[in-house]
Protein backbone atom coordinates (compact mmCIF):
# COMPACT_ATOMS: atom_id res chain seq x y z
CA MET A 1 38.81 6.39 16.99
CA SER A 2 35.78 8.44 18.02
CA ASP A 3 35.47 9.79 14.45
CA ALA A 4 35.17 6.25 13.10
CA ARG A 5 32.58 5.42 15.75
CA GLU A 6 30.56 8.56 14.94
CA ALA A 7 30.71 7.75 11.24
CA HIS A 8 29.54 4.18 11.94
CA ASN A 9 26.65 5.49 14.06
CA GLU A 10 25.70 7.94 11.32
CA VAL A 11 25.74 5.21 8.67
CA SER A 12 23.64 2.95 10.91
CA GLU A 13 21.10 5.74 11.42
CA LEU A 14 20.88 6.37 7.65
CA GLU A 15 20.34 2.65 7.02
CA ARG A 16 17.47 2.60 9.53
CA LYS A 17 15.91 5.66 7.91
CA SER A 18 16.26 4.07 4.47
CA ALA A 19 14.51 0.90 5.63
CA THR A 20 11.72 2.96 7.19
CA ALA A 21 11.29 5.00 4.00
CA ALA A 22 11.20 1.84 1.89
CA ARG A 23 8.36 0.45 4.01
CA LEU A 24 6.52 3.77 4.26
CA PHE A 25 6.41 4.45 0.52
CA ASP A 26 5.65 0.89 -0.54
CA ILE A 27 3.37 1.16 -3.59
CA ARG A 28 1.22 -1.68 -2.25
CA ARG A 29 0.21 0.52 0.69
CA ILE A 30 -0.89 3.32 -1.62
CA ILE A 31 -2.77 1.08 -4.07
CA GLY A 32 -4.37 -0.99 -1.30
CA GLY A 33 -5.42 2.07 0.66
CA LEU A 34 -7.00 3.75 -2.35
CA PHE A 35 -8.88 0.61 -3.36
CA VAL A 36 -10.21 0.16 0.18
CA VAL A 37 -11.35 3.78 0.44
CA TYR A 38 -13.02 3.80 -2.99
CA GLY A 39 -14.41 0.32 -2.37
CA VAL A 40 -16.15 1.51 0.79
CA ILE A 41 -17.61 4.51 -1.05
CA VAL A 42 -18.86 2.46 -4.01
CA THR A 43 -20.22 -0.29 -1.76
CA ILE A 44 -22.19 2.23 0.28
CA ALA A 45 -23.56 3.70 -2.94
CA GLY A 46 -24.53 0.23 -4.12
CA ILE A 47 -26.35 -0.89 -0.98
CA SER A 48 -29.57 0.92 -1.82
CA PRO A 49 -29.59 1.89 -5.51
CA SER A 50 -32.41 3.87 -7.05
CA ASP A 51 -34.78 2.31 -9.53
CA ALA A 52 -33.22 4.37 -12.30
CA ASP A 53 -29.76 3.02 -11.48
CA LEU A 54 -31.02 -0.55 -11.46
CA LYS A 55 -32.77 -0.01 -14.78
CA LYS A 56 -29.57 1.38 -16.33
CA ALA A 57 -27.64 -1.67 -15.08
CA GLU A 58 -30.36 -4.05 -16.27
CA GLY A 59 -31.22 -5.17 -12.75
CA VAL A 60 -27.64 -5.87 -11.62
CA HIS A 61 -26.41 -4.21 -8.43
CA ILE A 62 -23.21 -3.19 -10.23
CA ASN A 63 -22.05 -0.65 -7.64
CA LEU A 64 -22.38 -3.18 -4.84
CA TRP A 65 -20.45 -5.88 -6.68
CA THR A 66 -17.80 -3.46 -7.93
CA GLY A 67 -17.35 -1.98 -4.45
CA LEU A 68 -16.98 -5.41 -2.88
CA ALA A 69 -14.43 -6.40 -5.54
CA MET A 70 -12.49 -3.21 -4.87
CA LEU A 71 -12.52 -3.93 -1.14
CA VAL A 72 -11.21 -7.44 -1.70
CA LEU A 73 -8.44 -6.21 -4.01
CA GLY A 74 -7.44 -3.43 -1.61
CA LEU A 75 -7.34 -5.83 1.34
CA PHE A 76 -5.28 -8.25 -0.76
CA PHE A 77 -2.64 -5.56 -1.35
CA LEU A 78 -2.56 -4.56 2.32
CA ILE A 79 -2.29 -8.17 3.52
CA TRP A 80 0.41 -8.86 0.95
CA MET A 81 2.35 -5.84 2.23
CA LYS A 82 1.99 -7.11 5.83
CA LEU A 83 3.11 -10.65 4.99
CA ARG A 84 6.01 -9.66 2.73
CA PRO A 85 7.31 -6.24 3.87
CA ALA A 86 9.58 -4.26 1.60
CA GLN A 87 13.27 -4.67 2.23
CA ALA A 88 15.73 -1.80 2.24
CA PRO A 89 17.77 -1.67 -0.96
CA ALA A 90 21.04 -3.59 -0.85
CA GLU A 91 24.34 -1.77 -1.01
CA VAL A 92 25.22 -0.39 -4.40
CA PRO A 93 28.09 -2.31 -6.02
CA GLY A 94 31.29 -0.34 -6.28
CA THR A 95 30.82 1.67 -3.10
CA PRO A 96 33.51 1.25 -0.46
CA GLU A 97 32.55 -0.80 2.56
CA SER A 98 33.45 0.49 6.03
């Protein structure tokens, strides 16, 4: 009886770890985080561009607008991940249930 209980506890622990791993390695977290980091860097670079940079971009503050767009996209991914968290994979068909 105790063997069955230990096996059940072990399976429960593995299911919890699987759910944690599914949330931790959600691709939306990676993409959102990278876009936010690069968006901050590009936005800072675009706040005070040099005259040469503005001339190359024909007067458009391209780094500022691109950085802000990257920030918005990165925040979108992170908010999406928060609102709809990843679920642990369902049981594989054909495996015996306990």
